[in-house]
Amino acid sequence: MGAKVGGNKGGAMGDINVTPLVDVVLVLLIIFMVVTPMLSSGVEVKLPKAKTTTQAQDNGQHLVVSVRADGAIFVDSRQVPLEILVDEVNAEFRATPNRAILIKADSGLHYGEVRAVMDTLSDNGMTTLLLAAEKLKEN
């Protein structure tokens, strides 16, 4: 890789070398492609499908309570029993208040199992609950 300092007559060259710019852009693209899937929080669950949804990007601004198909409950990525769910959520709220609770429940669960988690949180004064769902693809 070399640089040409002047033209035939010895003056300054007006061309821009874009190779370093392309290299930097490609590196940034690769970094964003690797980091983006890691931005969603909580435990990975198969979400139920719904016709009406509101698109919201989960960038860690919500406190995520996940319920897997086997009934295991997670606050962010820590498994907790239902009996101490409120204590764990309160501890998270003390660390970073003013967050809504996003409930991600597996589509294989019965509604009653998800409702038990929602009732536990609601009975303890946590009224801002969001339910995560996948948008149903229309054909």
Protein backbone atom coordinates (compact mmCIF):
# COMPACT_ATOMS: atom_id res chain seq x y z
CA MET A 1 0.00 0.00 0.00
CA GLY A 2 1.55 3.26 -1.07
CA ALA A 3 0.62 6.87 -1.29
CA LYS A 4 1.01 9.16 -4.26
CA VAL A 5 1.90 12.66 -3.14
CA GLY A 6 1.52 14.59 -6.32
CA GLY A 7 0.44 14.35 -9.92
CA ASN A 8 2.56 14.62 -13.05
CA LYS A 9 3.19 18.31 -12.49
CA GLY A 10 4.16 17.94 -8.81
CA GLY A 11 0.96 19.45 -7.32
CA ALA A 12 -1.26 18.08 -4.54
CA MET A 13 -3.47 15.12 -5.40
CA GLY A 14 -7.24 15.60 -5.02
CA ASP A 15 -8.25 11.91 -4.69
CA ILE A 16 -9.44 10.46 -1.40
CA ASN A 17 -8.24 7.03 -0.32
CA VAL A 18 -11.42 5.28 0.85
CA THR A 19 -9.81 1.94 1.75
CA PRO A 20 -9.28 2.81 5.45
CA LEU A 21 -12.85 4.10 5.67
CA VAL A 22 -14.24 0.87 4.22
CA ASP A 23 -12.11 -1.18 6.64
CA VAL A 24 -13.45 0.73 9.66
CA VAL A 25 -17.07 0.49 8.46
CA LEU A 26 -16.77 -3.28 7.92
CA VAL A 27 -15.29 -3.79 11.40
CA LEU A 28 -18.13 -1.75 12.96
CA LEU A 29 -20.69 -3.75 10.98
CA ILE A 30 -19.28 -7.01 12.29
CA ILE A 31 -19.25 -5.69 15.87
CA PHE A 32 -22.91 -4.62 15.63
CA MET A 33 -23.90 -7.97 14.11
CA VAL A 34 -22.29 -9.82 17.01
CA VAL A 35 -23.56 -7.54 19.80
CA THR A 36 -27.19 -7.05 18.66
CA PRO A 37 -28.49 -10.53 19.57
CA MET A 38 -27.03 -10.11 23.07
CA LEU A 39 -29.07 -6.96 23.78
CA SER A 40 -32.31 -8.73 24.64
CA SER A 41 -32.51 -9.62 28.29
CA GLY A 42 -34.09 -12.41 30.22
CA VAL A 43 -34.17 -16.11 29.46
CA GLU A 44 -34.96 -17.24 25.92
CA VAL A 45 -38.53 -18.57 25.69
CA LYS A 46 -40.86 -19.34 22.80
CA LEU A 47 -43.29 -16.43 22.94
CA PRO A 48 -46.99 -16.79 22.11
CA LYS A 49 -48.21 -15.23 18.86
CA ALA A 50 -50.73 -12.37 18.85
CA LYS A 51 -52.52 -10.42 16.12
CA THR A 52 -52.27 -7.08 17.89
CA THR A 53 -48.88 -6.17 19.27
CA THR A 54 -46.92 -3.01 19.88
CA GLN A 55 -43.34 -3.14 18.71
CA ALA A 56 -40.91 -2.33 21.51
CA GLN A 57 -37.19 -2.94 21.46
CA ASP A 58 -35.95 -4.63 24.61
CA ASN A 59 -32.63 -2.92 25.34
CA GLY A 60 -32.48 -3.77 29.00
CA GLN A 61 -34.77 -0.94 30.11
CA HIS A 62 -37.36 -3.41 31.48
CA LEU A 63 -37.08 -5.79 34.39
CA VAL A 64 -37.68 -9.14 32.69
CA VAL A 65 -39.51 -11.97 34.47
CA SER A 66 -39.35 -15.10 32.30
CA VAL A 67 -41.43 -18.24 32.76
CA ARG A 68 -40.17 -21.30 30.90
CA ALA A 69 -42.32 -24.20 29.67
CA ASP A 70 -41.23 -26.33 32.63
CA GLY A 71 -42.57 -23.67 35.06
CA ALA A 72 -39.17 -22.29 36.09
CA ILE A 73 -39.28 -18.56 36.88
CA PHE A 74 -36.36 -16.23 36.18
CA VAL A 75 -35.72 -12.61 37.14
CA ASP A 76 -33.45 -11.42 34.35
CA SER A 77 -31.27 -14.54 34.16
CA ARG A 78 -31.45 -15.80 37.77
CA GLN A 79 -33.85 -18.62 38.58
CA VAL A 80 -36.08 -17.92 41.58
CA PRO A 81 -38.98 -19.78 43.17
CA LEU A 82 -42.41 -18.12 43.11
CA GLU A 83 -42.29 -17.64 46.89
CA ILE A 84 -39.35 -15.20 46.75
CA LEU A 85 -40.17 -13.63 43.37
CA VAL A 86 -41.38 -10.40 44.98
CA ASP A 87 -38.21 -10.08 47.09
CA GLU A 88 -36.00 -10.51 44.01
CA VAL A 89 -38.02 -7.99 41.98
CA ASN A 90 -37.91 -5.49 44.85
CA ALA A 91 -34.13 -5.90 45.08
CA GLU A 92 -33.83 -5.14 41.36
CA PHE A 93 -36.11 -2.09 41.73
CA ARG A 94 -33.96 -0.75 44.56
CA ALA A 95 -30.92 -0.97 42.29
CA THR A 96 -32.61 0.69 39.29
CA PRO A 97 -36.10 2.10 39.97
CA ASN A 98 -38.71 3.33 37.45
CA ARG A 99 -38.66 0.24 35.26
CA ALA A 100 -41.67 -1.67 34.02
CA ILE A 101 -41.88 -5.42 34.47
CA LEU A 102 -41.84 -7.35 31.19
CA ILE A 103 -43.24 -10.86 31.51
CA LYS A 104 -41.97 -13.32 28.93
CA ALA A 105 -43.88 -16.60 29.20
CA ASP A 106 -43.48 -19.69 27.05
CA SER A 107 -46.33 -20.33 24.61
CA GLY A 108 -46.65 -23.92 25.90
CA LEU A 109 -47.79 -22.77 29.35
CA HIS A 110 -51.40 -22.66 30.47
CA TYR A 111 -52.69 -19.17 31.16
CA GLY A 112 -53.25 -20.03 34.83
CA GLU A 113 -49.52 -20.59 35.36
CA VAL A 114 -48.68 -17.19 33.90
CA ARG A 115 -51.57 -15.62 35.80
CA ALA A 116 -50.13 -16.91 39.11
CA VAL A 117 -46.91 -14.97 38.43
CA MET A 118 -48.87 -11.87 37.41
CA ASP A 119 -51.11 -12.10 40.51
CA THR A 120 -48.09 -12.47 42.80
CA LEU A 121 -46.54 -9.31 41.38
CA SER A 122 -49.82 -7.37 41.24
CA ASP A 123 -50.82 -8.27 44.81
CA ASN A 124 -47.55 -6.73 46.00
CA GLY A 125 -48.14 -3.34 44.37
CA MET A 126 -46.38 -3.90 41.05
CA THR A 127 -49.00 -2.70 38.61
CA THR A 128 -46.98 -1.85 35.50
CA LEU A 129 -46.80 -5.27 33.87
CA LEU A 130 -46.06 -5.80 30.18
CA LEU A 131 -46.64 -9.10 28.37
CA ALA A 132 -44.25 -10.09 25.61
CA ALA A 133 -45.72 -11.65 22.46
CA GLU A 134 -44.58 -12.31 18.92
CA LYS A 135 -46.48 -10.67 16.08
CA LEU A 136 -48.58 -13.16 14.13
CA LYS A 137 -47.44 -13.11 10.51
CA GLU A 138 -50.29 -12.33 8.14
CA ASN A 139 -50.30 -14.17 4.83
